Full PDB file with SEQRES, HELIX, SHEET, SSBOND, CRYST1, ORIGX, SCALE, CONECT and MASTER records, all heavy atoms in Angstrom:
SEQRES   1 A   31  ALA SER MET ARG CYS ALA LEU MET GLY ASP LEU ILE ALA          
SEQRES   2 A   31  GLU SER ALA VAL LYS HIS GLN TRP ASN GLY VAL ILE ILE          
SEQRES   3 A   31  TYR GLY CYS VAL ARG                                          
HELIX    1 AA1 ASP A   10  LYS A   18  1                                   9    
CRYST1    1.000    1.000    1.000  90.00  90.00  90.00 P 1           1          
ORIGX1      1.000000  0.000000  0.000000        0.00000                         
ORIGX2      0.000000  1.000000  0.000000        0.00000                         
ORIGX3      0.000000  0.000000  1.000000        0.00000                         
SCALE1      1.000000  0.000000  0.000000        0.00000                         
SCALE2      0.000000  1.000000  0.000000        0.00000                         
SCALE3      0.000000  0.000000  1.000000        0.00000                         
ATOM      1  N   ALA A   1       5.420  -7.095  12.704  1.00  0.00           N  
ATOM      2  CA  ALA A   1       6.659  -7.427  12.003  1.00  0.00           C  
ATOM      3  C   ALA A   1       6.997  -8.921  12.013  1.00  0.00           C  
ATOM      4  O   ALA A   1       8.128  -9.288  11.875  1.00  0.00           O  
ATOM      5  CB  ALA A   1       7.813  -6.558  12.476  1.00  0.00           C  
ATOM      6  N   SER A   2       5.960  -9.760  12.210  1.00  0.00           N  
ATOM      7  CA  SER A   2       6.231 -11.200  12.283  1.00  0.00           C  
ATOM      8  C   SER A   2       6.768 -11.675  10.946  1.00  0.00           C  
ATOM      9  O   SER A   2       6.189 -11.323   9.886  1.00  0.00           O  
ATOM     10  CB  SER A   2       4.964 -11.947  12.613  1.00  0.00           C  
ATOM     11  OG  SER A   2       5.196 -13.346  12.477  1.00  0.00           O  
ATOM     12  N   MET A   3       7.777 -12.493  11.003  1.00  0.00           N  
ATOM     13  CA  MET A   3       8.387 -13.103   9.817  1.00  0.00           C  
ATOM     14  C   MET A   3       8.027 -14.580   9.754  1.00  0.00           C  
ATOM     15  O   MET A   3       8.645 -15.318   8.978  1.00  0.00           O  
ATOM     16  CB  MET A   3       9.943 -12.931   9.848  1.00  0.00           C  
ATOM     17  CG  MET A   3      10.405 -11.495   9.746  1.00  0.00           C  
ATOM     18  SD  MET A   3      10.118 -10.783   8.133  1.00  0.00           S  
ATOM     19  CE  MET A   3       9.099  -9.381   8.546  1.00  0.00           C  
ATOM     20  N   ARG A   4       7.080 -15.044  10.555  1.00  0.00           N  
ATOM     21  CA  ARG A   4       6.759 -16.476  10.617  1.00  0.00           C  
ATOM     22  C   ARG A   4       5.628 -16.892   9.746  1.00  0.00           C  
ATOM     23  O   ARG A   4       5.482 -18.077   9.475  1.00  0.00           O  
ATOM     24  CB  ARG A   4       6.489 -16.821  12.082  1.00  0.00           C  
ATOM     25  CG  ARG A   4       7.719 -16.677  12.949  1.00  0.00           C  
ATOM     26  CD  ARG A   4       7.540 -17.292  14.334  1.00  0.00           C  
ATOM     27  NE  ARG A   4       6.472 -16.680  15.043  1.00  0.00           N  
ATOM     28  CZ  ARG A   4       6.517 -16.385  16.329  1.00  0.00           C  
ATOM     29  NH1 ARG A   4       7.646 -16.666  16.998  1.00  0.00           N  
ATOM     30  NH2 ARG A   4       5.597 -15.824  16.941  1.00  0.00           N  
ATOM     31  N   CYS A   5       4.736 -15.981   9.341  1.00  0.00           N  
ATOM     32  CA  CYS A   5       3.625 -16.338   8.432  1.00  0.00           C  
ATOM     33  C   CYS A   5       3.146 -15.148   7.691  1.00  0.00           C  
ATOM     34  O   CYS A   5       3.387 -13.994   8.085  1.00  0.00           O  
ATOM     35  CB  CYS A   5       2.482 -16.984   9.229  1.00  0.00           C  
ATOM     36  SG  CYS A   5       1.713 -15.907  10.380  1.00  0.00           S  
ATOM     37  N   ALA A   6       2.418 -15.386   6.624  1.00  0.00           N  
ATOM     38  CA  ALA A   6       1.844 -14.310   5.783  1.00  0.00           C  
ATOM     39  C   ALA A   6       0.458 -13.906   6.261  1.00  0.00           C  
ATOM     40  O   ALA A   6      -0.304 -14.763   6.654  1.00  0.00           O  
ATOM     41  CB  ALA A   6       1.791 -14.771   4.322  1.00  0.00           C  
ATOM     42  N   LEU A   7       0.220 -12.605   6.180  1.00  0.00           N  
ATOM     43  CA  LEU A   7      -1.103 -12.073   6.556  1.00  0.00           C  
ATOM     44  C   LEU A   7      -1.997 -11.856   5.324  1.00  0.00           C  
ATOM     45  O   LEU A   7      -3.156 -11.543   5.504  1.00  0.00           O  
ATOM     46  CB  LEU A   7      -0.949 -10.815   7.371  1.00  0.00           C  
ATOM     47  CG  LEU A   7      -0.294 -11.025   8.722  1.00  0.00           C  
ATOM     48  CD1 LEU A   7      -0.081  -9.695   9.424  1.00  0.00           C  
ATOM     49  CD2 LEU A   7      -1.113 -11.972   9.562  1.00  0.00           C  
ATOM     50  N   MET A   8      -1.447 -12.013   4.150  1.00  0.00           N  
ATOM     51  CA  MET A   8      -2.258 -11.911   2.883  1.00  0.00           C  
ATOM     52  C   MET A   8      -1.594 -12.714   1.815  1.00  0.00           C  
ATOM     53  O   MET A   8      -0.428 -12.748   1.616  1.00  0.00           O  
ATOM     54  CB  MET A   8      -2.379 -10.443   2.440  1.00  0.00           C  
ATOM     55  CG  MET A   8      -3.348 -10.282   1.275  1.00  0.00           C  
ATOM     56  SD  MET A   8      -3.586  -8.576   0.736  1.00  0.00           S  
ATOM     57  CE  MET A   8      -2.030  -8.277  -0.117  1.00  0.00           C  
ATOM     58  N   GLY A   9      -2.503 -13.448   1.088  1.00  0.00           N  
ATOM     59  CA  GLY A   9      -2.078 -14.233  -0.093  1.00  0.00           C  
ATOM     60  C   GLY A   9      -2.908 -13.795  -1.276  1.00  0.00           C  
ATOM     61  O   GLY A   9      -3.639 -12.802  -1.222  1.00  0.00           O  
ATOM     62  N   ASP A  10      -2.827 -14.566  -2.368  1.00  0.00           N  
ATOM     63  CA  ASP A  10      -3.483 -14.217  -3.584  1.00  0.00           C  
ATOM     64  C   ASP A  10      -5.004 -14.139  -3.479  1.00  0.00           C  
ATOM     65  O   ASP A  10      -5.629 -13.237  -4.076  1.00  0.00           O  
ATOM     66  CB  ASP A  10      -3.029 -15.091  -4.746  1.00  0.00           C  
ATOM     67  CG  ASP A  10      -3.363 -16.582  -4.515  1.00  0.00           C  
ATOM     68  OD1 ASP A  10      -3.565 -17.014  -3.367  1.00  0.00           O  
ATOM     69  OD2 ASP A  10      -3.378 -17.300  -5.504  1.00  0.00           O  
ATOM     70  N   LEU A  11      -5.632 -15.031  -2.770  1.00  0.00           N  
ATOM     71  CA  LEU A  11      -7.074 -15.070  -2.695  1.00  0.00           C  
ATOM     72  C   LEU A  11      -7.626 -13.837  -1.960  1.00  0.00           C  
ATOM     73  O   LEU A  11      -8.580 -13.194  -2.391  1.00  0.00           O  
ATOM     74  CB  LEU A  11      -7.588 -16.332  -2.045  1.00  0.00           C  
ATOM     75  CG  LEU A  11      -7.230 -17.642  -2.792  1.00  0.00           C  
ATOM     76  CD1 LEU A  11      -7.757 -18.851  -1.960  1.00  0.00           C  
ATOM     77  CD2 LEU A  11      -7.815 -17.621  -4.211  1.00  0.00           C  
ATOM     78  N   ILE A  12      -6.980 -13.476  -0.860  1.00  0.00           N  
ATOM     79  CA  ILE A  12      -7.437 -12.298  -0.129  1.00  0.00           C  
ATOM     80  C   ILE A  12      -7.097 -11.018  -0.966  1.00  0.00           C  
ATOM     81  O   ILE A  12      -7.926 -10.099  -1.014  1.00  0.00           O  
ATOM     82  CB  ILE A  12      -6.754 -12.247   1.240  1.00  0.00           C  
ATOM     83  CG1 ILE A  12      -7.290 -13.364   2.117  1.00  0.00           C  
ATOM     84  CG2 ILE A  12      -6.998 -10.878   1.938  1.00  0.00           C  
ATOM     85  CD1 ILE A  12      -6.626 -13.527   3.468  1.00  0.00           C  
ATOM     86  N   ALA A  13      -5.991 -10.993  -1.676  1.00  0.00           N  
ATOM     87  CA  ALA A  13      -5.644  -9.889  -2.544  1.00  0.00           C  
ATOM     88  C   ALA A  13      -6.641  -9.726  -3.678  1.00  0.00           C  
ATOM     89  O   ALA A  13      -7.057  -8.628  -4.031  1.00  0.00           O  
ATOM     90  CB  ALA A  13      -4.221 -10.001  -3.052  1.00  0.00           C  
ATOM     91  N   GLU A  14      -7.087 -10.863  -4.243  1.00  0.00           N  
ATOM     92  CA  GLU A  14      -8.112 -10.822  -5.292  1.00  0.00           C  
ATOM     93  C   GLU A  14      -9.385 -10.283  -4.752  1.00  0.00           C  
ATOM     94  O   GLU A  14     -10.100  -9.490  -5.463  1.00  0.00           O  
ATOM     95  CB  GLU A  14      -8.323 -12.226  -5.868  1.00  0.00           C  
ATOM     96  CG  GLU A  14      -7.190 -12.704  -6.749  1.00  0.00           C  
ATOM     97  CD  GLU A  14      -7.318 -14.159  -7.151  1.00  0.00           C  
ATOM     98  OE1 GLU A  14      -8.338 -14.809  -6.832  1.00  0.00           O  
ATOM     99  OE2 GLU A  14      -6.362 -14.648  -7.811  1.00  0.00           O  
ATOM    100  N   SER A  15      -9.741 -10.597  -3.544  1.00  0.00           N  
ATOM    101  CA  SER A  15     -10.930 -10.031  -2.894  1.00  0.00           C  
ATOM    102  C   SER A  15     -10.814  -8.537  -2.746  1.00  0.00           C  
ATOM    103  O   SER A  15     -11.778  -7.780  -2.981  1.00  0.00           O  
ATOM    104  CB  SER A  15     -11.170 -10.683  -1.538  1.00  0.00           C  
ATOM    105  OG  SER A  15     -12.295 -10.125  -0.862  1.00  0.00           O  
ATOM    106  N   ALA A  16      -9.623  -8.050  -2.414  1.00  0.00           N  
ATOM    107  CA  ALA A  16      -9.380  -6.630  -2.279  1.00  0.00           C  
ATOM    108  C   ALA A  16      -9.622  -5.899  -3.597  1.00  0.00           C  
ATOM    109  O   ALA A  16     -10.227  -4.844  -3.643  1.00  0.00           O  
ATOM    110  CB  ALA A  16      -7.967  -6.381  -1.771  1.00  0.00           C  
ATOM    111  N   VAL A  17      -9.108  -6.490  -4.683  1.00  0.00           N  
ATOM    112  CA  VAL A  17      -9.274  -5.912  -6.029  1.00  0.00           C  
ATOM    113  C   VAL A  17     -10.768  -5.884  -6.351  1.00  0.00           C  
ATOM    114  O   VAL A  17     -11.302  -4.850  -6.825  1.00  0.00           O  
ATOM    115  CB  VAL A  17      -8.516  -6.668  -7.092  1.00  0.00           C  
ATOM    116  CG1 VAL A  17      -8.879  -6.213  -8.462  1.00  0.00           C  
ATOM    117  CG2 VAL A  17      -6.991  -6.564  -6.831  1.00  0.00           C  
ATOM    118  N   LYS A  18     -11.466  -6.961  -6.122  1.00  0.00           N  
ATOM    119  CA  LYS A  18     -12.900  -7.075  -6.389  1.00  0.00           C  
ATOM    120  C   LYS A  18     -13.709  -6.006  -5.647  1.00  0.00           C  
ATOM    121  O   LYS A  18     -14.664  -5.472  -6.169  1.00  0.00           O  
ATOM    122  CB  LYS A  18     -13.404  -8.480  -5.999  1.00  0.00           C  
ATOM    123  CG  LYS A  18     -14.900  -8.688  -6.156  1.00  0.00           C  
ATOM    124  CD  LYS A  18     -15.331 -10.057  -5.717  1.00  0.00           C  
ATOM    125  CE  LYS A  18     -16.830 -10.190  -5.743  1.00  0.00           C  
ATOM    126  NZ  LYS A  18     -17.266 -11.446  -5.186  1.00  0.00           N  
ATOM    127  N   HIS A  19     -13.269  -5.719  -4.425  1.00  0.00           N  
ATOM    128  CA  HIS A  19     -13.965  -4.711  -3.592  1.00  0.00           C  
ATOM    129  C   HIS A  19     -13.363  -3.310  -3.685  1.00  0.00           C  
ATOM    130  O   HIS A  19     -13.665  -2.438  -2.881  1.00  0.00           O  
ATOM    131  CB  HIS A  19     -13.991  -5.198  -2.166  1.00  0.00           C  
ATOM    132  CG  HIS A  19     -14.924  -6.385  -1.991  1.00  0.00           C  
ATOM    133  ND1 HIS A  19     -14.435  -7.689  -2.078  1.00  0.00           N  
ATOM    134  CD2 HIS A  19     -16.273  -6.484  -1.861  1.00  0.00           C  
ATOM    135  CE1 HIS A  19     -15.487  -8.523  -1.943  1.00  0.00           C  
ATOM    136  NE2 HIS A  19     -16.552  -7.800  -1.831  1.00  0.00           N  
ATOM    137  N   GLN A  20     -12.491  -3.100  -4.711  1.00  0.00           N  
ATOM    138  CA  GLN A  20     -11.982  -1.777  -5.112  1.00  0.00           C  
ATOM    139  C   GLN A  20     -11.043  -1.087  -4.085  1.00  0.00           C  
ATOM    140  O   GLN A  20     -10.991   0.146  -4.048  1.00  0.00           O  
ATOM    141  CB  GLN A  20     -13.129  -0.854  -5.518  1.00  0.00           C  
ATOM    142  CG  GLN A  20     -13.926  -1.421  -6.654  1.00  0.00           C  
ATOM    143  CD  GLN A  20     -15.025  -0.462  -7.086  1.00  0.00           C  
ATOM    144  OE1 GLN A  20     -15.720   0.127  -6.268  1.00  0.00           O  
ATOM    145  NE2 GLN A  20     -15.183  -0.308  -8.384  1.00  0.00           N  
ATOM    146  N   TRP A  21     -10.349  -1.846  -3.284  1.00  0.00           N  
ATOM    147  CA  TRP A  21      -9.287  -1.267  -2.414  1.00  0.00           C  
ATOM    148  C   TRP A  21      -8.196  -0.734  -3.263  1.00  0.00           C  
ATOM    149  O   TRP A  21      -7.835  -1.340  -4.269  1.00  0.00           O  
ATOM    150  CB  TRP A  21      -8.789  -2.293  -1.439  1.00  0.00           C  
ATOM    151  CG  TRP A  21      -9.772  -2.640  -0.327  1.00  0.00           C  
ATOM    152  CD1 TRP A  21     -10.805  -3.521  -0.426  1.00  0.00           C  
ATOM    153  CD2 TRP A  21      -9.834  -2.096   0.975  1.00  0.00           C  
ATOM    154  NE1 TRP A  21     -11.482  -3.549   0.762  1.00  0.00           N  
ATOM    155  CE2 TRP A  21     -10.929  -2.639   1.621  1.00  0.00           C  
ATOM    156  CE3 TRP A  21      -9.063  -1.117   1.636  1.00  0.00           C  
ATOM    157  CZ2 TRP A  21     -11.269  -2.333   2.954  1.00  0.00           C  
ATOM    158  CZ3 TRP A  21      -9.411  -0.804   2.902  1.00  0.00           C  
ATOM    159  CH2 TRP A  21     -10.477  -1.410   3.586  1.00  0.00           C  
ATOM    160  N   ASN A  22      -7.624   0.415  -2.862  1.00  0.00           N  
ATOM    161  CA  ASN A  22      -6.460   0.946  -3.620  1.00  0.00           C  
ATOM    162  C   ASN A  22      -5.194   0.221  -3.229  1.00  0.00           C  
ATOM    163  O   ASN A  22      -4.271   0.116  -4.055  1.00  0.00           O  
ATOM    164  CB  ASN A  22      -6.294   2.443  -3.314  1.00  0.00           C  
ATOM    165  CG  ASN A  22      -7.374   3.304  -3.898  1.00  0.00           C  
ATOM    166  OD1 ASN A  22      -8.204   2.831  -4.712  1.00  0.00           O  
ATOM    167  ND2 ASN A  22      -7.398   4.563  -3.567  1.00  0.00           N  
ATOM    168  N   GLY A  23      -5.102  -0.213  -1.983  1.00  0.00           N  
ATOM    169  CA  GLY A  23      -3.903  -0.897  -1.576  1.00  0.00           C  
ATOM    170  C   GLY A  23      -3.897  -1.478  -0.161  1.00  0.00           C  
ATOM    171  O   GLY A  23      -4.857  -1.267   0.532  1.00  0.00           O  
ATOM    172  N   VAL A  24      -2.844  -2.163   0.135  1.00  0.00           N  
ATOM    173  CA  VAL A  24      -2.700  -2.810   1.450  1.00  0.00           C  
ATOM    174  C   VAL A  24      -1.218  -2.594   1.876  1.00  0.00           C  
ATOM    175  O   VAL A  24      -0.299  -2.881   1.054  1.00  0.00           O  
ATOM    176  CB  VAL A  24      -3.014  -4.311   1.440  1.00  0.00           C  
ATOM    177  CG1 VAL A  24      -2.871  -4.917   2.836  1.00  0.00           C  
ATOM    178  CG2 VAL A  24      -4.383  -4.565   0.860  1.00  0.00           C  
ATOM    179  N   ILE A  25      -1.000  -2.131   3.104  1.00  0.00           N  
ATOM    180  CA  ILE A  25       0.338  -2.012   3.626  1.00  0.00           C  
ATOM    181  C   ILE A  25       0.410  -2.906   4.881  1.00  0.00           C  
ATOM    182  O   ILE A  25      -0.404  -2.765   5.785  1.00  0.00           O  
ATOM    183  CB  ILE A  25       0.688  -0.548   4.024  1.00  0.00           C  
ATOM    184  CG1 ILE A  25       0.646   0.320   2.733  1.00  0.00           C  
ATOM    185  CG2 ILE A  25       2.019  -0.450   4.703  1.00  0.00           C  
ATOM    186  CD1 ILE A  25       0.777   1.802   3.009  1.00  0.00           C  
ATOM    187  N   ILE A  26       1.366  -3.864   4.851  1.00  0.00           N  
ATOM    188  CA  ILE A  26       1.383  -4.860   5.933  1.00  0.00           C  
ATOM    189  C   ILE A  26       2.744  -4.832   6.596  1.00  0.00           C  
ATOM    190  O   ILE A  26       3.786  -5.028   5.960  1.00  0.00           O  
ATOM    191  CB  ILE A  26       1.161  -6.286   5.363  1.00  0.00           C  
ATOM    192  CG1 ILE A  26      -0.233  -6.344   4.721  1.00  0.00           C  
ATOM    193  CG2 ILE A  26       1.319  -7.319   6.459  1.00  0.00           C  
ATOM    194  CD1 ILE A  26      -0.530  -7.695   4.063  1.00  0.00           C  
ATOM    195  N   TYR A  27       2.719  -4.493   7.899  1.00  0.00           N  
ATOM    196  CA  TYR A  27       3.898  -4.556   8.701  1.00  0.00           C  
ATOM    197  C   TYR A  27       4.066  -5.980   9.158  1.00  0.00           C  
ATOM    198  O   TYR A  27       3.779  -6.420  10.261  1.00  0.00           O  
ATOM    199  CB  TYR A  27       3.781  -3.605   9.908  1.00  0.00           C  
ATOM    200  CG  TYR A  27       5.047  -3.431  10.728  1.00  0.00           C  
ATOM    201  CD1 TYR A  27       6.207  -2.963  10.152  1.00  0.00           C  
ATOM    202  CD2 TYR A  27       5.042  -3.670  12.084  1.00  0.00           C  
ATOM    203  CE1 TYR A  27       7.367  -2.781  10.866  1.00  0.00           C  
ATOM    204  CE2 TYR A  27       6.164  -3.478  12.868  1.00  0.00           C  
ATOM    205  CZ  TYR A  27       7.325  -3.031  12.264  1.00  0.00           C  
ATOM    206  OH  TYR A  27       8.455  -2.884  12.987  1.00  0.00           O  
ATOM    207  N   GLY A  28       4.464  -6.798   8.183  1.00  0.00           N  
ATOM    208  CA  GLY A  28       4.543  -8.234   8.289  1.00  0.00           C  
ATOM    209  C   GLY A  28       4.761  -8.802   6.887  1.00  0.00           C  
ATOM    210  O   GLY A  28       5.299  -8.151   6.007  1.00  0.00           O  
ATOM    211  N   CYS A  29       4.290 -10.063   6.644  1.00  0.00           N  
ATOM    212  CA  CYS A  29       4.613 -10.767   5.382  1.00  0.00           C  
ATOM    213  C   CYS A  29       3.357 -11.002   4.563  1.00  0.00           C  
ATOM    214  O   CYS A  29       2.231 -11.015   5.019  1.00  0.00           O  
ATOM    215  CB  CYS A  29       5.251 -12.092   5.707  1.00  0.00           C  
ATOM    216  SG  CYS A  29       6.820 -12.019   6.500  1.00  0.00           S  
ATOM    217  N   VAL A  30       3.648 -11.244   3.286  1.00  0.00           N  
ATOM    218  CA  VAL A  30       2.624 -11.720   2.306  1.00  0.00           C  
ATOM    219  C   VAL A  30       3.138 -13.033   1.670  1.00  0.00           C  
ATOM    220  O   VAL A  30       4.296 -13.439   1.888  1.00  0.00           O  
ATOM    221  CB  VAL A  30       2.432 -10.682   1.163  1.00  0.00           C  
ATOM    222  CG1 VAL A  30       1.794  -9.407   1.714  1.00  0.00           C  
ATOM    223  CG2 VAL A  30       3.701 -10.330   0.413  1.00  0.00           C  
ATOM    224  N   ARG A  31       2.295 -13.670   0.912  1.00  0.00           N  
ATOM    225  CA  ARG A  31       2.693 -14.877   0.192  1.00  0.00           C  
ATOM    226  C   ARG A  31       2.023 -14.829  -1.203  1.00  0.00           C  
ATOM    227  O   ARG A  31       1.239 -13.921  -1.511  1.00  0.00           O  
ATOM    228  CB  ARG A  31       2.329 -16.164   0.947  1.00  0.00           C  
ATOM    229  CG  ARG A  31       0.856 -16.404   1.109  1.00  0.00           C  
ATOM    230  CD  ARG A  31       0.576 -17.578   2.071  1.00  0.00           C  
ATOM    231  NE  ARG A  31      -0.498 -18.395   1.530  1.00  0.00           N  
ATOM    232  CZ  ARG A  31      -0.555 -19.704   1.750  1.00  0.00           C  
ATOM    233  NH1 ARG A  31       0.387 -20.330   2.402  1.00  0.00           N  
ATOM    234  NH2 ARG A  31      -1.592 -20.371   1.259  1.00  0.00           N  
TER     235      ARG A  31                                                      
MASTER        0    0    0    1    0    0    0    6  234    1    0    3          
END                                                                             
């Protein structure tokens, strides 16, 4: 639940789409 930095941004999310992940749930932050 850290609010100090993001654990995923657009480049990592694009990689997830490319590799056919359905989704990501983060108990923390994104950017």
